[in-house]
mmCIF file of all heavy atoms, coordinates in Angstrom:
data_MODEL
# 
_entry.id   MODEL 
# 
loop_
_atom_site.group_PDB 
_atom_site.id 
_atom_site.type_symbol 
_atom_site.label_atom_id 
_atom_site.label_alt_id 
_atom_site.label_comp_id 
_atom_site.label_asym_id 
_atom_site.label_entity_id 
_atom_site.label_seq_id 
_atom_site.pdbx_PDB_ins_code 
_atom_site.Cartn_x 
_atom_site.Cartn_y 
_atom_site.Cartn_z 
_atom_site.occupancy 
_atom_site.B_iso_or_equiv 
_atom_site.pdbx_formal_charge 
_atom_site.auth_seq_id 
_atom_site.auth_comp_id 
_atom_site.auth_asym_id 
_atom_site.auth_atom_id 
_atom_site.pdbx_PDB_model_num 
ATOM 1   N N   . GLY A 1 1  ? 42.541 32.054 38.153 1.00 0.00 ? 1  GLY A N   1 
ATOM 2   C CA  . GLY A 1 1  ? 42.656 32.004 39.564 1.00 0.00 ? 1  GLY A CA  1 
ATOM 3   C C   . GLY A 1 1  ? 41.813 33.034 40.320 1.00 0.00 ? 1  GLY A C   1 
ATOM 4   O O   . GLY A 1 1  ? 41.626 32.918 41.513 1.00 0.00 ? 1  GLY A O   1 
ATOM 5   N N   . ARG A 1 2  ? 41.376 34.074 39.590 1.00 0.00 ? 2  ARG A N   1 
ATOM 6   C CA  . ARG A 1 2  ? 40.535 35.096 40.166 1.00 0.00 ? 2  ARG A CA  1 
ATOM 7   C C   . ARG A 1 2  ? 39.063 35.035 39.659 1.00 0.00 ? 2  ARG A C   1 
ATOM 8   O O   . ARG A 1 2  ? 38.146 35.295 40.410 1.00 0.00 ? 2  ARG A O   1 
ATOM 9   C CB  . ARG A 1 2  ? 41.127 36.452 39.794 1.00 0.00 ? 2  ARG A CB  1 
ATOM 10  C CG  . ARG A 1 2  ? 42.469 36.693 40.350 1.00 0.00 ? 2  ARG A CG  1 
ATOM 11  C CD  . ARG A 1 2  ? 42.874 38.164 40.174 1.00 0.00 ? 2  ARG A CD  1 
ATOM 12  N NE  . ARG A 1 2  ? 42.918 38.555 38.760 1.00 0.00 ? 2  ARG A NE  1 
ATOM 13  C CZ  . ARG A 1 2  ? 42.224 39.552 38.261 1.00 0.00 ? 2  ARG A CZ  1 
ATOM 14  N NH1 . ARG A 1 2  ? 41.407 40.274 39.028 1.00 0.00 ? 2  ARG A NH1 1 
ATOM 15  N NH2 . ARG A 1 2  ? 42.319 39.880 36.982 1.00 0.00 ? 2  ARG A NH2 1 
ATOM 16  N N   . PHE A 1 3  ? 38.899 34.692 38.415 1.00 0.00 ? 3  PHE A N   1 
ATOM 17  C CA  . PHE A 1 3  ? 37.553 34.607 37.753 1.00 0.00 ? 3  PHE A CA  1 
ATOM 18  C C   . PHE A 1 3  ? 37.162 33.172 37.604 1.00 0.00 ? 3  PHE A C   1 
ATOM 19  O O   . PHE A 1 3  ? 37.975 32.285 37.356 1.00 0.00 ? 3  PHE A O   1 
ATOM 20  C CB  . PHE A 1 3  ? 37.531 35.269 36.391 1.00 0.00 ? 3  PHE A CB  1 
ATOM 21  C CG  . PHE A 1 3  ? 37.759 36.759 36.424 1.00 0.00 ? 3  PHE A CG  1 
ATOM 22  C CD1 . PHE A 1 3  ? 38.096 37.478 37.562 1.00 0.00 ? 3  PHE A CD1 1 
ATOM 23  C CD2 . PHE A 1 3  ? 37.544 37.490 35.243 1.00 0.00 ? 3  PHE A CD2 1 
ATOM 24  C CE1 . PHE A 1 3  ? 38.237 38.837 37.571 1.00 0.00 ? 3  PHE A CE1 1 
ATOM 25  C CE2 . PHE A 1 3  ? 37.684 38.848 35.229 1.00 0.00 ? 3  PHE A CE2 1 
ATOM 26  C CZ  . PHE A 1 3  ? 38.057 39.553 36.391 1.00 0.00 ? 3  PHE A CZ  1 
ATOM 27  N N   . THR A 1 4  ? 35.831 32.932 37.708 1.00 0.00 ? 4  THR A N   1 
ATOM 28  C CA  . THR A 1 4  ? 35.281 31.644 37.507 1.00 0.00 ? 4  THR A CA  1 
ATOM 29  C C   . THR A 1 4  ? 34.064 31.733 36.631 1.00 0.00 ? 4  THR A C   1 
ATOM 30  O O   . THR A 1 4  ? 33.125 32.431 36.935 1.00 0.00 ? 4  THR A O   1 
ATOM 31  C CB  . THR A 1 4  ? 34.901 30.959 38.836 1.00 0.00 ? 4  THR A CB  1 
ATOM 32  O OG1 . THR A 1 4  ? 36.046 30.840 39.660 1.00 0.00 ? 4  THR A OG1 1 
ATOM 33  C CG2 . THR A 1 4  ? 34.398 29.549 38.555 1.00 0.00 ? 4  THR A CG2 1 
ATOM 34  N N   . VAL A 1 5  ? 34.058 31.002 35.511 1.00 0.00 ? 5  VAL A N   1 
ATOM 35  C CA  . VAL A 1 5  ? 32.934 30.986 34.629 1.00 0.00 ? 5  VAL A CA  1 
ATOM 36  C C   . VAL A 1 5  ? 32.139 29.716 34.898 1.00 0.00 ? 5  VAL A C   1 
ATOM 37  O O   . VAL A 1 5  ? 32.654 28.651 35.172 1.00 0.00 ? 5  VAL A O   1 
ATOM 38  C CB  . VAL A 1 5  ? 33.328 31.075 33.153 1.00 0.00 ? 5  VAL A CB  1 
ATOM 39  C CG1 . VAL A 1 5  ? 34.181 29.848 32.750 1.00 0.00 ? 5  VAL A CG1 1 
ATOM 40  C CG2 . VAL A 1 5  ? 32.125 31.251 32.269 1.00 0.00 ? 5  VAL A CG2 1 
ATOM 41  N N   . SER A 1 6  ? 30.789 29.828 34.912 1.00 0.00 ? 6  SER A N   1 
ATOM 42  C CA  . SER A 1 6  ? 29.949 28.706 35.123 1.00 0.00 ? 6  SER A CA  1 
ATOM 43  C C   . SER A 1 6  ? 28.620 28.938 34.350 1.00 0.00 ? 6  SER A C   1 
ATOM 44  O O   . SER A 1 6  ? 28.370 29.992 33.866 1.00 0.00 ? 6  SER A O   1 
ATOM 45  C CB  . SER A 1 6  ? 29.598 28.505 36.624 1.00 0.00 ? 6  SER A CB  1 
ATOM 46  O OG  . SER A 1 6  ? 28.946 29.645 37.173 1.00 0.00 ? 6  SER A OG  1 
ATOM 47  N N   . ARG A 1 7  ? 27.850 27.842 34.224 1.00 0.00 ? 7  ARG A N   1 
ATOM 48  C CA  . ARG A 1 7  ? 26.582 27.958 33.537 1.00 0.00 ? 7  ARG A CA  1 
ATOM 49  C C   . ARG A 1 7  ? 25.529 27.117 34.179 1.00 0.00 ? 7  ARG A C   1 
ATOM 50  O O   . ARG A 1 7  ? 25.818 26.083 34.794 1.00 0.00 ? 7  ARG A O   1 
ATOM 51  C CB  . ARG A 1 7  ? 26.754 27.682 32.020 1.00 0.00 ? 7  ARG A CB  1 
ATOM 52  C CG  . ARG A 1 7  ? 27.041 26.168 31.740 1.00 0.00 ? 7  ARG A CG  1 
ATOM 53  C CD  . ARG A 1 7  ? 27.407 25.969 30.274 1.00 0.00 ? 7  ARG A CD  1 
ATOM 54  N NE  . ARG A 1 7  ? 26.303 26.306 29.382 1.00 0.00 ? 7  ARG A NE  1 
ATOM 55  C CZ  . ARG A 1 7  ? 26.470 26.553 28.111 1.00 0.00 ? 7  ARG A CZ  1 
ATOM 56  N NH1 . ARG A 1 7  ? 27.690 26.555 27.506 1.00 0.00 ? 7  ARG A NH1 1 
ATOM 57  N NH2 . ARG A 1 7  ? 25.395 26.861 27.318 1.00 0.00 ? 7  ARG A NH2 1 
ATOM 58  N N   . ASP A 1 8  ? 24.327 27.533 34.039 1.00 0.00 ? 8  ASP A N   1 
ATOM 59  C CA  . ASP A 1 8  ? 23.185 26.764 34.441 1.00 0.00 ? 8  ASP A CA  1 
ATOM 60  C C   . ASP A 1 8  ? 22.251 26.698 33.280 1.00 0.00 ? 8  ASP A C   1 
ATOM 61  O O   . ASP A 1 8  ? 21.453 27.589 33.007 1.00 0.00 ? 8  ASP A O   1 
ATOM 62  C CB  . ASP A 1 8  ? 22.503 27.436 35.633 1.00 0.00 ? 8  ASP A CB  1 
ATOM 63  C CG  . ASP A 1 8  ? 21.352 26.619 36.271 1.00 0.00 ? 8  ASP A CG  1 
ATOM 64  O OD1 . ASP A 1 8  ? 20.897 25.698 35.555 1.00 0.00 ? 8  ASP A OD1 1 
ATOM 65  O OD2 . ASP A 1 8  ? 21.041 26.810 37.419 1.00 0.00 ? 8  ASP A OD2 1 
ATOM 66  N N   . ASN A 1 9  ? 22.298 25.565 32.556 1.00 0.00 ? 9  ASN A N   1 
ATOM 67  C CA  . ASN A 1 9  ? 21.482 25.410 31.381 1.00 0.00 ? 9  ASN A CA  1 
ATOM 68  C C   . ASN A 1 9  ? 20.036 25.409 31.610 1.00 0.00 ? 9  ASN A C   1 
ATOM 69  O O   . ASN A 1 9  ? 19.210 25.883 30.785 1.00 0.00 ? 9  ASN A O   1 
ATOM 70  C CB  . ASN A 1 9  ? 21.910 24.197 30.567 1.00 0.00 ? 9  ASN A CB  1 
ATOM 71  C CG  . ASN A 1 9  ? 23.311 24.292 29.968 1.00 0.00 ? 9  ASN A CG  1 
ATOM 72  O OD1 . ASN A 1 9  ? 23.798 25.422 29.824 1.00 0.00 ? 9  ASN A OD1 1 
ATOM 73  N ND2 . ASN A 1 9  ? 23.881 23.183 29.572 1.00 0.00 ? 9  ASN A ND2 1 
ATOM 74  N N   . ALA A 1 10 ? 19.599 24.943 32.787 1.00 0.00 ? 10 ALA A N   1 
ATOM 75  C CA  . ALA A 1 10 ? 18.199 24.932 33.150 1.00 0.00 ? 10 ALA A CA  1 
ATOM 76  C C   . ALA A 1 10 ? 17.689 26.359 33.275 1.00 0.00 ? 10 ALA A C   1 
ATOM 77  O O   . ALA A 1 10 ? 16.484 26.593 33.085 1.00 0.00 ? 10 ALA A O   1 
ATOM 78  C CB  . ALA A 1 10 ? 17.965 24.203 34.461 1.00 0.00 ? 10 ALA A CB  1 
ATOM 79  N N   . LYS A 1 11 ? 18.524 27.323 33.637 1.00 0.00 ? 11 LYS A N   1 
ATOM 80  C CA  . LYS A 1 11 ? 18.179 28.683 33.764 1.00 0.00 ? 11 LYS A CA  1 
ATOM 81  C C   . LYS A 1 11 ? 18.554 29.531 32.598 1.00 0.00 ? 11 LYS A C   1 
ATOM 82  O O   . LYS A 1 11 ? 18.340 30.781 32.570 1.00 0.00 ? 11 LYS A O   1 
ATOM 83  C CB  . LYS A 1 11 ? 18.753 29.297 35.052 1.00 0.00 ? 11 LYS A CB  1 
ATOM 84  C CG  . LYS A 1 11 ? 18.289 28.662 36.332 1.00 0.00 ? 11 LYS A CG  1 
ATOM 85  C CD  . LYS A 1 11 ? 18.885 29.331 37.551 1.00 0.00 ? 11 LYS A CD  1 
ATOM 86  C CE  . LYS A 1 11 ? 18.419 28.716 38.835 1.00 0.00 ? 11 LYS A CE  1 
ATOM 87  N NZ  . LYS A 1 11 ? 19.040 29.354 40.004 1.00 0.00 ? 11 LYS A NZ  1 
ATOM 88  N N   . ASN A 1 12 ? 19.164 28.970 31.581 1.00 0.00 ? 12 ASN A N   1 
ATOM 89  C CA  . ASN A 1 12 ? 19.636 29.692 30.414 1.00 0.00 ? 12 ASN A CA  1 
ATOM 90  C C   . ASN A 1 12 ? 20.571 30.828 30.812 1.00 0.00 ? 12 ASN A C   1 
ATOM 91  O O   . ASN A 1 12 ? 20.396 31.918 30.227 1.00 0.00 ? 12 ASN A O   1 
ATOM 92  C CB  . ASN A 1 12 ? 18.427 30.144 29.578 1.00 0.00 ? 12 ASN A CB  1 
ATOM 93  C CG  . ASN A 1 12 ? 17.814 29.061 28.765 1.00 0.00 ? 12 ASN A CG  1 
ATOM 94  O OD1 . ASN A 1 12 ? 18.220 27.886 28.832 1.00 0.00 ? 12 ASN A OD1 1 
ATOM 95  N ND2 . ASN A 1 12 ? 16.787 29.389 28.006 1.00 0.00 ? 12 ASN A ND2 1 
ATOM 96  N N   . THR A 1 13 ? 21.426 30.573 31.715 1.00 0.00 ? 13 THR A N   1 
ATOM 97  C CA  . THR A 1 13 ? 22.259 31.664 32.226 1.00 0.00 ? 13 THR A CA  1 
ATOM 98  C C   . THR A 1 13 ? 23.736 31.245 32.351 1.00 0.00 ? 13 THR A C   1 
ATOM 99  O O   . THR A 1 13 ? 24.035 30.115 32.799 1.00 0.00 ? 13 THR A O   1 
ATOM 100 C CB  . THR A 1 13 ? 21.741 32.117 33.584 1.00 0.00 ? 13 THR A CB  1 
ATOM 101 O OG1 . THR A 1 13 ? 20.379 32.561 33.474 1.00 0.00 ? 13 THR A OG1 1 
ATOM 102 C CG2 . THR A 1 13 ? 22.526 33.274 34.132 1.00 0.00 ? 13 THR A CG2 1 
ATOM 103 N N   . VAL A 1 14 ? 24.615 32.134 32.083 1.00 0.00 ? 14 VAL A N   1 
ATOM 104 C CA  . VAL A 1 14 ? 26.080 31.993 32.262 1.00 0.00 ? 14 VAL A CA  1 
ATOM 105 C C   . VAL A 1 14 ? 26.467 33.058 33.269 1.00 0.00 ? 14 VAL A C   1 
ATOM 106 O O   . VAL A 1 14 ? 25.983 34.164 33.243 1.00 0.00 ? 14 VAL A O   1 
ATOM 107 C CB  . VAL A 1 14 ? 26.815 32.103 30.913 1.00 0.00 ? 14 VAL A CB  1 
ATOM 108 C CG1 . VAL A 1 14 ? 28.320 32.048 31.108 1.00 0.00 ? 14 VAL A CG1 1 
ATOM 109 C CG2 . VAL A 1 14 ? 26.357 31.015 29.998 1.00 0.00 ? 14 VAL A CG2 1 
ATOM 110 N N   . TYR A 1 15 ? 27.473 32.667 34.089 1.00 0.00 ? 15 TYR A N   1 
ATOM 111 C CA  . TYR A 1 15 ? 27.940 33.566 35.125 1.00 0.00 ? 15 TYR A CA  1 
ATOM 112 C C   . TYR A 1 15 ? 29.465 33.761 34.992 1.00 0.00 ? 15 TYR A C   1 
ATOM 113 O O   . TYR A 1 15 ? 30.191 32.914 34.509 1.00 0.00 ? 15 TYR A O   1 
ATOM 114 C CB  . TYR A 1 15 ? 27.651 33.027 36.492 1.00 0.00 ? 15 TYR A CB  1 
ATOM 115 C CG  . TYR A 1 15 ? 26.258 32.654 36.735 1.00 0.00 ? 15 TYR A CG  1 
ATOM 116 C CD1 . TYR A 1 15 ? 25.772 31.374 36.547 1.00 0.00 ? 15 TYR A CD1 1 
ATOM 117 C CD2 . TYR A 1 15 ? 25.314 33.639 37.132 1.00 0.00 ? 15 TYR A CD2 1 
ATOM 118 C CE1 . TYR A 1 15 ? 24.402 31.045 36.762 1.00 0.00 ? 15 TYR A CE1 1 
ATOM 119 C CE2 . TYR A 1 15 ? 23.976 33.336 37.334 1.00 0.00 ? 15 TYR A CE2 1 
ATOM 120 C CZ  . TYR A 1 15 ? 23.524 32.052 37.157 1.00 0.00 ? 15 TYR A CZ  1 
ATOM 121 O OH  . TYR A 1 15 ? 22.207 31.795 37.363 1.00 0.00 ? 15 TYR A OH  1 
ATOM 122 N N   . LEU A 1 16 ? 29.910 34.887 35.495 1.00 0.00 ? 16 LEU A N   1 
ATOM 123 C CA  . LEU A 1 16 ? 31.321 35.147 35.628 1.00 0.00 ? 16 LEU A CA  1 
ATOM 124 C C   . LEU A 1 16 ? 31.528 35.706 36.992 1.00 0.00 ? 16 LEU A C   1 
ATOM 125 O O   . LEU A 1 16 ? 31.214 36.869 37.293 1.00 0.00 ? 16 LEU A O   1 
ATOM 126 C CB  . LEU A 1 16 ? 31.874 36.118 34.613 1.00 0.00 ? 16 LEU A CB  1 
ATOM 127 C CG  . LEU A 1 16 ? 33.348 36.334 34.570 1.00 0.00 ? 16 LEU A CG  1 
ATOM 128 C CD1 . LEU A 1 16 ? 34.078 35.052 34.208 1.00 0.00 ? 16 LEU A CD1 1 
ATOM 129 C CD2 . LEU A 1 16 ? 33.826 37.470 33.667 1.00 0.00 ? 16 LEU A CD2 1 
ATOM 130 N N   . GLN A 1 17 ? 32.040 34.874 37.898 1.00 0.00 ? 17 GLN A N   1 
ATOM 131 C CA  . GLN A 1 17 ? 32.350 35.299 39.246 1.00 0.00 ? 17 GLN A CA  1 
ATOM 132 C C   . GLN A 1 17 ? 33.771 35.931 39.244 1.00 0.00 ? 17 GLN A C   1 
ATOM 133 O O   . GLN A 1 17 ? 34.700 35.278 38.867 1.00 0.00 ? 17 GLN A O   1 
ATOM 134 C CB  . GLN A 1 17 ? 32.318 34.111 40.240 1.00 0.00 ? 17 GLN A CB  1 
ATOM 135 C CG  . GLN A 1 17 ? 32.645 34.448 41.642 1.00 0.00 ? 17 GLN A CG  1 
ATOM 136 C CD  . GLN A 1 17 ? 31.647 35.382 42.314 1.00 0.00 ? 17 GLN A CD  1 
ATOM 137 O OE1 . GLN A 1 17 ? 30.442 35.141 42.219 1.00 0.00 ? 17 GLN A OE1 1 
ATOM 138 N NE2 . GLN A 1 17 ? 32.125 36.426 42.982 1.00 0.00 ? 17 GLN A NE2 1 
ATOM 139 N N   . MET A 1 18 ? 33.830 37.186 39.636 1.00 0.00 ? 18 MET A N   1 
ATOM 140 C CA  . MET A 1 18 ? 35.064 37.915 39.594 1.00 0.00 ? 18 MET A CA  1 
ATOM 141 C C   . MET A 1 18 ? 35.483 38.240 41.026 1.00 0.00 ? 18 MET A C   1 
ATOM 142 O O   . MET A 1 18 ? 34.822 38.976 41.739 1.00 0.00 ? 18 MET A O   1 
ATOM 143 C CB  . MET A 1 18 ? 34.953 39.161 38.742 1.00 0.00 ? 18 MET A CB  1 
ATOM 144 C CG  . MET A 1 18 ? 34.451 38.886 37.351 1.00 0.00 ? 18 MET A CG  1 
ATOM 145 S SD  . MET A 1 18 ? 34.384 40.410 36.335 1.00 0.00 ? 18 MET A SD  1 
ATOM 146 C CE  . MET A 1 18 ? 33.156 41.317 37.208 1.00 0.00 ? 18 MET A CE  1 
ATOM 147 N N   . ASN A 1 19 ? 36.620 37.668 41.421 1.00 0.00 ? 19 ASN A N   1 
ATOM 148 C CA  . ASN A 1 19 ? 37.140 37.895 42.796 1.00 0.00 ? 19 ASN A CA  1 
ATOM 149 C C   . ASN A 1 19 ? 38.520 38.625 42.634 1.00 0.00 ? 19 ASN A C   1 
ATOM 150 O O   . ASN A 1 19 ? 39.119 38.612 41.590 1.00 0.00 ? 19 ASN A O   1 
ATOM 151 C CB  . ASN A 1 19 ? 37.372 36.613 43.553 1.00 0.00 ? 19 ASN A CB  1 
ATOM 152 C CG  . ASN A 1 19 ? 36.036 35.894 43.760 1.00 0.00 ? 19 ASN A CG  1 
ATOM 153 O OD1 . ASN A 1 19 ? 34.974 36.496 43.939 1.00 0.00 ? 19 ASN A OD1 1 
ATOM 154 N ND2 . ASN A 1 19 ? 36.070 34.535 43.753 1.00 0.00 ? 19 ASN A ND2 1 
ATOM 155 N N   . SER A 1 20 ? 38.996 39.188 43.769 1.00 0.00 ? 20 SER A N   1 
ATOM 156 C CA  . SER A 1 20 ? 40.246 39.860 43.799 1.00 0.00 ? 20 SER A CA  1 
ATOM 157 C C   . SER A 1 20 ? 40.385 40.850 42.617 1.00 0.00 ? 20 SER A C   1 
ATOM 158 O O   . SER A 1 20 ? 41.376 40.893 41.945 1.00 0.00 ? 20 SER A O   1 
ATOM 159 C CB  . SER A 1 20 ? 41.425 38.795 43.754 1.00 0.00 ? 20 SER A CB  1 
ATOM 160 O OG  . SER A 1 20 ? 41.323 37.971 44.875 1.00 0.00 ? 20 SER A OG  1 
ATOM 161 N N   . LEU A 1 21 ? 39.354 41.676 42.448 1.00 0.00 ? 21 LEU A N   1 
ATOM 162 C CA  . LEU A 1 21 ? 39.387 42.550 41.327 1.00 0.00 ? 21 LEU A CA  1 
ATOM 163 C C   . LEU A 1 21 ? 40.443 43.613 41.391 1.00 0.00 ? 21 LEU A C   1 
ATOM 164 O O   . LEU A 1 21 ? 40.818 44.095 42.487 1.00 0.00 ? 21 LEU A O   1 
ATOM 165 C CB  . LEU A 1 21 ? 37.992 43.244 41.209 1.00 0.00 ? 21 LEU A CB  1 
ATOM 166 C CG  . LEU A 1 21 ? 36.873 42.360 40.637 1.00 0.00 ? 21 LEU A CG  1 
ATOM 167 C CD1 . LEU A 1 21 ? 35.525 42.860 40.956 1.00 0.00 ? 21 LEU A CD1 1 
ATOM 168 C CD2 . LEU A 1 21 ? 37.091 42.167 39.128 1.00 0.00 ? 21 LEU A CD2 1 
ATOM 169 N N   . LYS A 1 22 ? 40.935 43.947 40.265 1.00 0.00 ? 22 LYS A N   1 
ATOM 170 C CA  . LYS A 1 22 ? 42.013 44.938 40.133 1.00 0.00 ? 22 LYS A CA  1 
ATOM 171 C C   . LYS A 1 22 ? 41.564 46.152 39.291 1.00 0.00 ? 22 LYS A C   1 
ATOM 172 O O   . LYS A 1 22 ? 40.607 45.996 38.490 1.00 0.00 ? 22 LYS A O   1 
ATOM 173 C CB  . LYS A 1 22 ? 43.228 44.310 39.473 1.00 0.00 ? 22 LYS A CB  1 
ATOM 174 C CG  . LYS A 1 22 ? 43.730 43.073 40.143 1.00 0.00 ? 22 LYS A CG  1 
ATOM 175 C CD  . LYS A 1 22 ? 44.919 42.465 39.371 1.00 0.00 ? 22 LYS A CD  1 
ATOM 176 C CE  . LYS A 1 22 ? 45.428 41.214 40.049 1.00 0.00 ? 22 LYS A CE  1 
ATOM 177 N NZ  . LYS A 1 22 ? 46.544 40.581 39.294 1.00 0.00 ? 22 LYS A NZ  1 
ATOM 178 N N   . PRO A 1 23 ? 42.143 47.302 39.436 1.00 0.00 ? 23 PRO A N   1 
ATOM 179 C CA  . PRO A 1 23 ? 41.758 48.416 38.586 1.00 0.00 ? 23 PRO A CA  1 
ATOM 180 C C   . PRO A 1 23 ? 41.818 48.093 37.117 1.00 0.00 ? 23 PRO A C   1 
ATOM 181 O O   . PRO A 1 23 ? 40.986 48.680 36.348 1.00 0.00 ? 23 PRO A O   1 
ATOM 182 C CB  . PRO A 1 23 ? 42.713 49.547 39.004 1.00 0.00 ? 23 PRO A CB  1 
ATOM 183 C CG  . PRO A 1 23 ? 43.097 49.203 40.413 1.00 0.00 ? 23 PRO A CG  1 
ATOM 184 C CD  . PRO A 1 23 ? 43.094 47.668 40.443 1.00 0.00 ? 23 PRO A CD  1 
ATOM 185 N N   . GLU A 1 24 ? 42.735 47.292 36.683 1.00 0.00 ? 24 GLU A N   1 
ATOM 186 C CA  . GLU A 1 24 ? 42.858 46.950 35.266 1.00 0.00 ? 24 GLU A CA  1 
ATOM 187 C C   . GLU A 1 24 ? 41.707 46.095 34.795 1.00 0.00 ? 24 GLU A C   1 
ATOM 188 O O   . GLU A 1 24 ? 41.540 45.873 33.553 1.00 0.00 ? 24 GLU A O   1 
ATOM 189 C CB  . GLU A 1 24 ? 44.193 46.297 34.979 1.00 0.00 ? 24 GLU A CB  1 
ATOM 190 C CG  . GLU A 1 24 ? 44.545 45.160 35.943 1.00 0.00 ? 24 GLU A CG  1 
ATOM 191 C CD  . GLU A 1 24 ? 45.455 45.588 37.029 1.00 0.00 ? 24 GLU A CD  1 
ATOM 192 O OE1 . GLU A 1 24 ? 45.195 46.638 37.680 1.00 0.00 ? 24 GLU A OE1 1 
ATOM 193 O OE2 . GLU A 1 24 ? 46.435 44.886 37.310 1.00 0.00 ? 24 GLU A OE2 1 
ATOM 194 N N   . ASP A 1 25 ? 40.825 45.612 35.679 1.00 0.00 ? 25 ASP A N   1 
ATOM 195 C CA  . ASP A 1 25 ? 39.666 44.905 35.250 1.00 0.00 ? 25 ASP A CA  1 
ATOM 196 C C   . ASP A 1 25 ? 38.489 45.853 34.922 1.00 0.00 ? 25 ASP A C   1 
ATOM 197 O O   . ASP A 1 25 ? 37.412 45.444 34.574 1.00 0.00 ? 25 ASP A O   1 
ATOM 198 C CB  . ASP A 1 25 ? 39.176 43.986 36.381 1.00 0.00 ? 25 ASP A CB  1 
ATOM 199 C CG  . ASP A 1 25 ? 40.208 42.918 36.714 1.00 0.00 ? 25 ASP A CG  1 
ATOM 200 O OD1 . ASP A 1 25 ? 40.837 42.365 35.822 1.00 0.00 ? 25 ASP A OD1 1 
ATOM 201 O OD2 . ASP A 1 25 ? 40.367 42.607 37.925 1.00 0.00 ? 25 ASP A OD2 1 
ATOM 202 N N   . THR A 1 26 ? 38.770 47.123 35.006 1.00 0.00 ? 26 THR A N   1 
ATOM 203 C CA  . THR A 1 26 ? 37.733 48.179 34.741 1.00 0.00 ? 26 THR A CA  1 
ATOM 204 C C   . THR A 1 26 ? 37.546 48.290 33.214 1.00 0.00 ? 26 THR A C   1 
ATOM 205 O O   . THR A 1 26 ? 38.285 49.067 32.543 1.00 0.00 ? 26 THR A O   1 
ATOM 206 C CB  . THR A 1 26 ? 38.124 49.491 35.350 1.00 0.00 ? 26 THR A CB  1 
ATOM 207 O OG1 . THR A 1 26 ? 38.232 49.357 36.785 1.00 0.00 ? 26 THR A OG1 1 
ATOM 208 C CG2 . THR A 1 26 ? 37.113 50.584 35.055 1.00 0.00 ? 26 THR A CG2 1 
ATOM 209 N N   . VAL A 1 27 ? 36.555 47.597 32.747 1.00 0.00 ? 27 VAL A N   1 
ATOM 210 C CA  . VAL A 1 27 ? 36.184 47.639 31.324 1.00 0.00 ? 27 VAL A CA  1 
ATOM 211 C C   . VAL A 1 27 ? 34.734 47.248 31.178 1.00 0.00 ? 27 VAL A C   1 
ATOM 212 O O   . VAL A 1 27 ? 34.087 46.870 32.178 1.00 0.00 ? 27 VAL A O   1 
ATOM 213 C CB  . VAL A 1 27 ? 37.067 46.690 30.510 1.00 0.00 ? 27 VAL A CB  1 
ATOM 214 C CG1 . VAL A 1 27 ? 38.479 47.166 30.404 1.00 0.00 ? 27 VAL A CG1 1 
ATOM 215 C CG2 . VAL A 1 27 ? 36.998 45.235 31.059 1.00 0.00 ? 27 VAL A CG2 1 
# 
């Protein structure tokens, strides 16, 4: 519900969109 993973194979790239970040996401 906060993070979204996606990929663009044409660009050889994977993304992780991180929203509503919390201090415990600090890694």
